[in-house]
Amino acid sequence: MTTESPSFRWVKSSYSTQNGGSCVEWAPEHASATGVVPVRDSKLSDGPVLMVSHSAFTGLVTLARNTDM
Protein backbone atom coordinates (compact mmCIF):
# COMPACT_ATOMS: atom_id res chain seq x y z
CA MET A 1 0.00 0.00 0.00
CA THR A 2 1.21 3.51 -0.73
CA THR A 3 0.13 6.85 0.72
CA GLU A 4 1.16 8.76 -2.40
CA SER A 5 -1.68 9.83 -4.66
CA PRO A 6 -0.66 8.72 -8.16
CA SER A 7 -2.09 10.50 -11.18
CA PHE A 8 -3.96 7.50 -12.60
CA ARG A 9 -7.27 7.64 -14.46
CA TRP A 10 -9.55 6.20 -11.79
CA VAL A 11 -12.73 4.27 -12.59
CA LYS A 12 -15.45 3.74 -9.98
CA SER A 13 -16.50 0.13 -9.46
CA SER A 14 -19.90 -0.84 -10.80
CA TYR A 15 -20.59 -2.17 -7.29
CA SER A 16 -20.27 1.32 -5.78
CA THR A 17 -23.46 3.15 -5.00
CA GLN A 18 -24.28 6.74 -5.90
CA ASN A 19 -25.17 7.65 -2.30
CA GLY A 20 -21.63 7.20 -0.98
CA GLY A 21 -21.66 3.54 0.01
CA SER A 22 -19.03 0.96 -0.90
CA CYS A 23 -17.08 3.35 -3.13
CA VAL A 24 -14.09 1.62 -4.67
CA GLU A 25 -12.04 2.84 -7.63
CA TRP A 26 -9.33 1.19 -9.69
CA ALA A 27 -6.96 2.29 -12.48
CA PRO A 28 -7.41 -0.06 -15.46
CA GLU A 29 -4.79 1.49 -17.78
CA HIS A 30 -2.07 1.17 -15.14
CA ALA A 31 -3.17 -2.41 -14.48
CA SER A 32 -2.95 -3.27 -18.18
CA ALA A 33 0.45 -1.64 -18.59
CA THR A 34 2.14 -3.00 -15.47
CA GLY A 35 0.19 -6.00 -14.17
CA VAL A 36 -0.34 -4.16 -10.87
CA VAL A 37 -3.87 -3.02 -10.03
CA PRO A 38 -4.21 0.20 -7.97
CA VAL A 39 -7.33 0.26 -5.76
CA ARG A 40 -8.56 3.09 -3.54
CA ASP A 41 -11.55 4.41 -1.61
CA SER A 42 -13.19 6.99 -3.88
CA LYS A 43 -14.24 9.05 -0.86
CA LEU A 44 -10.55 9.47 0.05
CA SER A 45 -8.99 10.44 -3.27
CA ASP A 46 -5.84 11.66 -1.50
CA GLY A 47 -5.79 8.62 0.77
CA PRO A 48 -3.81 5.39 0.52
CA VAL A 49 -3.72 3.26 -2.63
CA LEU A 50 -3.66 -0.51 -2.38
CA MET A 51 -1.50 -2.06 -5.14
CA VAL A 52 -2.46 -5.69 -5.85
CA SER A 53 -1.69 -8.33 -8.46
CA HIS A 54 -4.20 -9.20 -11.18
CA SER A 55 -5.03 -12.47 -9.39
CA ALA A 56 -5.62 -10.67 -6.07
CA PHE A 57 -7.86 -8.14 -7.81
CA THR A 58 -9.78 -10.98 -9.47
CA GLY A 59 -10.31 -12.46 -6.01
CA LEU A 60 -11.64 -9.14 -4.69
CA VAL A 61 -14.09 -8.85 -7.61
CA THR A 62 -15.24 -12.45 -7.12
CA LEU A 63 -15.79 -11.78 -3.43
CA ALA A 64 -17.82 -8.64 -4.22
CA ARG A 65 -19.99 -10.53 -6.72
CA ASN A 66 -20.71 -13.31 -4.24
CA THR A 67 -21.46 -11.08 -1.23
CA ASP A 68 -25.02 -10.07 -0.38
CA MET A 69 -25.20 -6.33 0.13
PDB file of N, CA and C in Angstrom:
ATOM      1  N   MET A   1       0.858  -1.169   0.000  1.00  0.00           N
ATOM      2  CA  MET A   1       0.000   0.000   0.000  1.00  0.00           C
ATOM      3  C   MET A   1       0.904   1.233   0.000  1.00  0.00           C
ATOM      4  N   THR A   2       0.459   2.258  -0.686  1.00  0.00           N
ATOM      5  CA  THR A   2       1.206   3.505  -0.733  1.00  0.00           C
ATOM      6  C   THR A   2       0.313   4.649  -0.265  1.00  0.00           C
ATOM      7  N   THR A   3       0.909   5.672   0.316  1.00  0.00           N
ATOM      8  CA  THR A   3       0.132   6.846   0.723  1.00  0.00           C
ATOM      9  C   THR A   3       0.265   7.972  -0.289  1.00  0.00           C
ATOM     10  N   GLU A   4       1.057   7.760  -1.338  1.00  0.00           N
ATOM     11  CA  GLU A   4       1.158   8.757  -2.398  1.00  0.00           C
ATOM     12  C   GLU A   4      -0.103   8.683  -3.243  1.00  0.00           C
ATOM     13  N   SER A   5      -0.500   9.797  -3.817  1.00  0.00           N
ATOM     14  CA  SER A   5      -1.683   9.834  -4.661  1.00  0.00           C
ATOM     15  C   SER A   5      -1.253   9.891  -6.122  1.00  0.00           C
ATOM     16  N   PRO A   6      -1.099   8.731  -6.772  1.00  0.00           N
ATOM     17  CA  PRO A   6      -0.657   8.716  -8.161  1.00  0.00           C
ATOM     18  C   PRO A   6      -1.669   9.385  -9.082  1.00  0.00           C
ATOM     19  N   SER A   7      -1.206   9.823 -10.227  1.00  0.00           N
ATOM     20  CA  SER A   7      -2.093  10.498 -11.180  1.00  0.00           C
ATOM     21  C   SER A   7      -2.617   9.495 -12.210  1.00  0.00           C
ATOM     22  N   PHE A   8      -3.332   8.484 -11.728  1.00  0.00           N
ATOM     23  CA  PHE A   8      -3.959   7.495 -12.601  1.00  0.00           C
ATOM     24  C   PHE A   8      -5.325   8.004 -13.043  1.00  0.00           C
ATOM     25  N   ARG A   9      -5.868   7.397 -14.099  1.00  0.00           N
ATOM     26  CA  ARG A   9      -7.268   7.636 -14.458  1.00  0.00           C
ATOM     27  C   ARG A   9      -8.069   6.599 -13.675  1.00  0.00           C
ATOM     28  N   TRP A  10      -8.804   7.082 -12.689  1.00  0.00           N
ATOM     29  CA  TRP A  10      -9.549   6.204 -11.786  1.00  0.00           C
ATOM     30  C   TRP A  10     -10.938   5.926 -12.334  1.00  0.00           C
ATOM     31  N   VAL A  11     -11.399   4.692 -12.155  1.00  0.00           N
ATOM     32  CA  VAL A  11     -12.729   4.269 -12.589  1.00  0.00           C
ATOM     33  C   VAL A  11     -13.457   3.709 -11.368  1.00  0.00           C
ATOM     34  N   LYS A  12     -14.666   4.205 -11.126  1.00  0.00           N
ATOM     35  CA  LYS A  12     -15.445   3.737  -9.978  1.00  0.00           C
ATOM     36  C   LYS A  12     -16.013   2.354 -10.292  1.00  0.00           C
ATOM     37  N   SER A  13     -15.958   1.469  -9.321  1.00  0.00           N
ATOM     38  CA  SER A  13     -16.498   0.129  -9.457  1.00  0.00           C
ATOM     39  C   SER A  13     -17.990   0.173  -9.730  1.00  0.00           C
ATOM     40  N   SER A  14     -18.459  -0.762 -10.540  1.00  0.00           N
ATOM     41  CA  SER A  14     -19.899  -0.841 -10.804  1.00  0.00           C
ATOM     42  C   SER A  14     -20.659  -1.272  -9.564  1.00  0.00           C
ATOM     43  N   TYR A  15     -19.947  -1.765  -8.544  1.00  0.00           N
ATOM     44  CA  TYR A  15     -20.587  -2.169  -7.294  1.00  0.00           C
ATOM     45  C   TYR A  15     -20.729  -0.997  -6.320  1.00  0.00           C
ATOM     46  N   SER A  16     -20.144   0.146  -6.636  1.00  0.00           N
ATOM     47  CA  SER A  16     -20.265   1.318  -5.782  1.00  0.00           C
ATOM     48  C   SER A  16     -21.633   1.940  -5.971  1.00  0.00           C
ATOM     49  N   THR A  17     -22.154   2.518  -4.913  1.00  0.00           N
ATOM     50  CA  THR A  17     -23.460   3.152  -5.005  1.00  0.00           C
ATOM     51  C   THR A  17     -23.306   4.661  -5.156  1.00  0.00           C
ATOM     52  N   GLN A  18     -24.323   5.303  -5.674  1.00  0.00           N
ATOM     53  CA  GLN A  18     -24.285   6.742  -5.897  1.00  0.00           C
ATOM     54  C   GLN A  18     -24.441   7.540  -4.608  1.00  0.00           C
ATOM     55  N   ASN A  19     -24.936   6.914  -3.532  1.00  0.00           N
ATOM     56  CA  ASN A  19     -25.172   7.654  -2.295  1.00  0.00           C
ATOM     57  C   ASN A  19     -23.995   7.555  -1.320  1.00  0.00           C
ATOM     58  N   GLY A  20     -22.820   7.177  -1.824  1.00  0.00           N
ATOM     59  CA  GLY A  20     -21.632   7.199  -0.984  1.00  0.00           C
ATOM     60  C   GLY A  20     -21.253   5.884  -0.343  1.00  0.00           C
ATOM     61  N   GLY A  21     -21.986   4.822  -0.597  1.00  0.00           N
ATOM     62  CA  GLY A  21     -21.660   3.544   0.011  1.00  0.00           C
ATOM     63  C   GLY A  21     -20.762   2.683  -0.857  1.00  0.00           C
ATOM     64  N   SER A  22     -19.887   1.931  -0.226  1.00  0.00           N
ATOM     65  CA  SER A  22     -19.026   0.960  -0.901  1.00  0.00           C
ATOM     66  C   SER A  22     -18.315   1.536  -2.128  1.00  0.00           C
ATOM     67  N   CYS A  23     -17.714   2.681  -1.991  1.00  0.00           N
ATOM     68  CA  CYS A  23     -17.083   3.351  -3.133  1.00  0.00           C
ATOM     69  C   CYS A  23     -15.630   2.903  -3.309  1.00  0.00           C
ATOM     70  N   VAL A  24     -15.421   2.124  -4.351  1.00  0.00           N
ATOM     71  CA  VAL A  24     -14.086   1.624  -4.667  1.00  0.00           C
ATOM     72  C   VAL A  24     -13.750   2.043  -6.088  1.00  0.00           C
ATOM     73  N   GLU A  25     -12.516   2.473  -6.293  1.00  0.00           N
ATOM     74  CA  GLU A  25     -12.041   2.837  -7.626  1.00  0.00           C
ATOM     75  C   GLU A  25     -10.787   2.045  -7.947  1.00  0.00           C
ATOM     76  N   TRP A  26     -10.547   1.854  -9.238  1.00  0.00           N
ATOM     77  CA  TRP A  26      -9.327   1.191  -9.686  1.00  0.00           C
ATOM     78  C   TRP A  26      -8.833   1.893 -10.942  1.00  0.00           C
ATOM     79  N   ALA A  27      -7.582   1.621 -11.328  1.00  0.00           N
ATOM     80  CA  ALA A  27      -6.959   2.286 -12.479  1.00  0.00           C
ATOM     81  C   ALA A  27      -6.633   1.244 -13.553  1.00  0.00           C
ATOM     82  N   PRO A  28      -7.574   1.012 -14.484  1.00  0.00           N
ATOM     83  CA  PRO A  28      -7.408  -0.065 -15.460  1.00  0.00           C
ATOM     84  C   PRO A  28      -6.226   0.097 -16.419  1.00  0.00           C
ATOM     85  N   GLU A  29      -5.918   1.312 -16.850  1.00  0.00           N
ATOM     86  CA  GLU A  29      -4.789   1.494 -17.778  1.00  0.00           C
ATOM     87  C   GLU A  29      -3.465   1.118 -17.122  1.00  0.00           C
ATOM     88  N   HIS A  30      -3.297   1.520 -15.864  1.00  0.00           N
ATOM     89  CA  HIS A  30      -2.074   1.172 -15.144  1.00  0.00           C
ATOM     90  C   HIS A  30      -2.000  -0.346 -14.969  1.00  0.00           C
ATOM     91  N   ALA A  31      -3.124  -0.961 -14.660  1.00  0.00           N
ATOM     92  CA  ALA A  31      -3.169  -2.415 -14.484  1.00  0.00           C
ATOM     93  C   ALA A  31      -2.771  -3.126 -15.773  1.00  0.00           C
ATOM     94  N   SER A  32      -3.288  -2.651 -16.895  1.00  0.00           N
ATOM     95  CA  SER A  32      -2.949  -3.271 -18.183  1.00  0.00           C
ATOM     96  C   SER A  32      -1.479  -3.093 -18.537  1.00  0.00           C
ATOM     97  N   ALA A  33      -0.935  -1.940 -18.225  1.00  0.00           N
ATOM     98  CA  ALA A  33       0.451  -1.636 -18.590  1.00  0.00           C
ATOM     99  C   ALA A  33       1.473  -2.316 -17.694  1.00  0.00           C
ATOM    100  N   THR A  34       1.131  -2.523 -16.420  1.00  0.00           N
ATOM    101  CA  THR A  34       2.139  -3.002 -15.469  1.00  0.00           C
ATOM    102  C   THR A  34       1.837  -4.352 -14.823  1.00  0.00           C
ATOM    103  N   GLY A  35       0.576  -4.777 -14.872  1.00  0.00           N
ATOM    104  CA  GLY A  35       0.189  -5.998 -14.173  1.00  0.00           C
ATOM    105  C   GLY A  35      -0.106  -5.776 -12.706  1.00  0.00           C
ATOM    106  N   VAL A  36      -0.038  -4.533 -12.259  1.00  0.00           N
ATOM    107  CA  VAL A  36      -0.340  -4.164 -10.872  1.00  0.00           C
ATOM    108  C   VAL A  36      -1.604  -3.312 -10.880  1.00  0.00           C
ATOM    109  N   VAL A  37      -2.575  -3.693 -10.050  1.00  0.00           N
ATOM    110  CA  VAL A  37      -3.870  -3.016 -10.032  1.00  0.00           C
ATOM    111  C   VAL A  37      -3.958  -2.081  -8.828  1.00  0.00           C
ATOM    112  N   PRO A  38      -3.999  -0.757  -9.065  1.00  0.00           N
ATOM    113  CA  PRO A  38      -4.208   0.196  -7.974  1.00  0.00           C
ATOM    114  C   PRO A  38      -5.689   0.257  -7.587  1.00  0.00           C
ATOM    115  N   VAL A  39      -5.960   0.215  -6.287  1.00  0.00           N
ATOM    116  CA  VAL A  39      -7.326   0.259  -5.765  1.00  0.00           C
ATOM    117  C   VAL A  39      -7.360   1.297  -4.646  1.00  0.00           C
ATOM    118  N   ARG A  40      -8.437   2.092  -4.604  1.00  0.00           N
ATOM    119  CA  ARG A  40      -8.561   3.086  -3.536  1.00  0.00           C
ATOM    120  C   ARG A  40     -10.020   3.315  -3.180  1.00  0.00           C
ATOM    121  N   ASP A  41     -10.235   3.971  -2.060  1.00  0.00           N
ATOM    122  CA  ASP A  41     -11.549   4.413  -1.614  1.00  0.00           C
ATOM    123  C   ASP A  41     -11.840   5.728  -2.324  1.00  0.00           C
ATOM    124  N   SER A  42     -12.899   5.784  -3.103  1.00  0.00           N
ATOM    125  CA  SER A  42     -13.191   6.992  -3.881  1.00  0.00           C
ATOM    126  C   SER A  42     -13.523   8.188  -3.001  1.00  0.00           C
ATOM    127  N   LYS A  43     -13.933   7.938  -1.770  1.00  0.00           N
ATOM    128  CA  LYS A  43     -14.245   9.050  -0.859  1.00  0.00           C
ATOM    129  C   LYS A  43     -12.976   9.670  -0.281  1.00  0.00           C
ATOM    130  N   LEU A  44     -11.839   8.984  -0.454  1.00  0.00           N
ATOM    131  CA  LEU A  44     -10.549   9.470   0.045  1.00  0.00           C
ATOM    132  C   LEU A  44      -9.556   9.531  -1.115  1.00  0.00           C
ATOM    133  N   SER A  45      -9.818  10.402  -2.069  1.00  0.00           N
ATOM    134  CA  SER A  45      -8.993  10.444  -3.275  1.00  0.00           C
ATOM    135  C   SER A  45      -7.524  10.769  -2.992  1.00  0.00           C
ATOM    136  N   ASP A  46      -7.233  11.398  -1.873  1.00  0.00           N
ATOM    137  CA  ASP A  46      -5.840  11.664  -1.496  1.00  0.00           C
ATOM    138  C   ASP A  46      -5.339  10.653  -0.467  1.00  0.00           C
ATOM    139  N   GLY A  47      -6.142   9.630  -0.212  1.00  0.00           N
ATOM    140  CA  GLY A  47      -5.786   8.617   0.774  1.00  0.00           C
ATOM    141  C   GLY A  47      -4.900   7.533   0.200  1.00  0.00           C
ATOM    142  N   PRO A  48      -4.702   6.458   0.953  1.00  0.00           N
ATOM    143  CA  PRO A  48      -3.810   5.386   0.525  1.00  0.00           C
ATOM    144  C   PRO A  48      -4.336   4.636  -0.693  1.00  0.00           C
ATOM    145  N   VAL A  49      -3.410   4.067  -1.449  1.00  0.00           N
ATOM    146  CA  VAL A  49      -3.719   3.263  -2.627  1.00  0.00           C
ATOM    147  C   VAL A  49      -3.182   1.861  -2.373  1.00  0.00           C
ATOM    148  N   LEU A  50      -4.049   0.878  -2.522  1.00  0.00           N
ATOM    149  CA  LEU A  50      -3.656  -0.513  -2.384  1.00  0.00           C
ATOM    150  C   LEU A  50      -3.232  -1.014  -3.759  1.00  0.00           C
ATOM    151  N   MET A  51      -2.019  -1.548  -3.875  1.00  0.00           N
ATOM    152  CA  MET A  51      -1.504  -2.063  -5.140  1.00  0.00           C
ATOM    153  C   MET A  51      -1.517  -3.587  -5.052  1.00  0.00           C
ATOM    154  N   VAL A  52      -2.317  -4.242  -5.909  1.00  0.00           N
ATOM    155  CA  VAL A  52      -2.463  -5.688  -5.847  1.00  0.00           C
ATOM    156  C   VAL A  52      -2.196  -6.317  -7.212  1.00  0.00           C
ATOM    157  N   SER A  53      -1.896  -7.598  -7.207  1.00  0.00           N
ATOM    158  CA  SER A  53      -1.691  -8.332  -8.455  1.00  0.00           C
ATOM    159  C   SER A  53      -3.038  -8.534  -9.159  1.00  0.00           C
ATOM    160  N   HIS A  54      -2.969  -8.918 -10.446  1.00  0.00           N
ATOM    161  CA  HIS A  54      -4.202  -9.203 -11.176  1.00  0.00           C
ATOM    162  C   HIS A  54      -4.992 -10.318 -10.487  1.00  0.00           C
ATOM    163  N   SER A  55      -4.319 -11.358 -10.025  1.00  0.00           N
ATOM    164  CA  SER A  55      -5.029 -12.471  -9.391  1.00  0.00           C
ATOM    165  C   SER A  55      -5.681 -12.038  -8.073  1.00  0.00           C
ATOM    166  N   ALA A  56      -5.021 -11.182  -7.310  1.00  0.00           N
ATOM    167  CA  ALA A  56      -5.618 -10.672  -6.073  1.00  0.00           C
ATOM    168  C   ALA A  56      -6.835  -9.802  -6.388  1.00  0.00           C
ATOM    169  N   PHE A  57      -6.738  -8.988  -7.424  1.00  0.00           N
ATOM    170  CA  PHE A  57      -7.864  -8.138  -7.811  1.00  0.00           C
ATOM    171  C   PHE A  57      -9.037  -8.998  -8.273  1.00  0.00           C
ATOM    172  N   THR A  58      -8.741 -10.051  -9.040  1.00  0.00           N
ATOM    173  CA  THR A  58      -9.785 -10.976  -9.475  1.00  0.00           C
ATOM    174  C   THR A  58     -10.487 -11.584  -8.265  1.00  0.00           C
ATOM    175  N   GLY A  59      -9.724 -11.930  -7.236  1.00  0.00           N
ATOM    176  CA  GLY A  59     -10.311 -12.456  -6.014  1.00  0.00           C
ATOM    177  C   GLY A  59     -11.212 -11.454  -5.322  1.00  0.00           C
ATOM    178  N   LEU A  60     -10.803 -10.187  -5.300  1.00  0.00           N
ATOM    179  CA  LEU A  60     -11.641  -9.139  -4.692  1.00  0.00           C
ATOM    180  C   LEU A  60     -12.958  -8.971  -5.452  1.00  0.00           C
ATOM    181  N   VAL A  61     -12.882  -8.993  -6.791  1.00  0.00           N
ATOM    182  CA  VAL A  61     -14.086  -8.853  -7.614  1.00  0.00           C
ATOM    183  C   VAL A  61     -15.009 -10.057  -7.405  1.00  0.00           C
ATOM    184  N   THR A  62     -14.435 -11.252  -7.362  1.00  0.00           N
ATOM    185  CA  THR A  62     -15.236 -12.451  -7.122  1.00  0.00           C
ATOM    186  C   THR A  62     -15.920 -12.372  -5.769  1.00  0.00           C
ATOM    187  N   LEU A  63     -15.211 -11.941  -4.754  1.00  0.00           N
ATOM    188  CA  LEU A  63     -15.792 -11.778  -3.428  1.00  0.00           C
ATOM    189  C   LEU A  63     -16.955 -10.785  -3.458  1.00  0.00           C
ATOM    190  N   ALA A  64     -16.762  -9.654  -4.136  1.00  0.00           N
ATOM    191  CA  ALA A  64     -17.818  -8.637  -4.220  1.00  0.00           C
ATOM    192  C   ALA A  64     -19.064  -9.193  -4.927  1.00  0.00           C
ATOM    193  N   ARG A  65     -18.845  -9.963  -5.978  1.00  0.00           N
ATOM    194  CA  ARG A  65     -19.989 -10.527  -6.718  1.00  0.00           C
ATOM    195  C   ARG A  65     -20.761 -11.552  -5.894  1.00  0.00           C
ATOM    196  N   ASN A  66     -20.080 -12.234  -5.002  1.00  0.00           N
ATOM    197  CA  ASN A  66     -20.713 -13.306  -4.236  1.00  0.00           C
ATOM    198  C   ASN A  66     -21.174 -12.888  -2.846  1.00  0.00           C
ATOM    199  N   THR A  67     -21.076 -11.595  -2.537  1.00  0.00           N
ATOM    200  CA  THR A  67     -21.461 -11.081  -1.233  1.00  0.00           C
ATOM    201  C   THR A  67     -22.806 -10.394  -1.321  1.00  0.00           C
ATOM    202  N   ASP A  68     -23.714 -10.755  -0.438  1.00  0.00           N
ATOM    203  CA  ASP A  68     -25.015 -10.067  -0.377  1.00  0.00           C
ATOM    204  C   ASP A  68     -24.810  -8.702   0.249  1.00  0.00           C
ATOM    205  N   MET A  69     -25.349  -7.685  -0.387  1.00  0.00           N
ATOM    206  CA  MET A  69     -25.201  -6.325   0.125  1.00  0.00           C
ATOM    207  C   MET A  69     -26.522  -5.812   0.600  1.00  0.00           C
TER     208      MET A  69
END
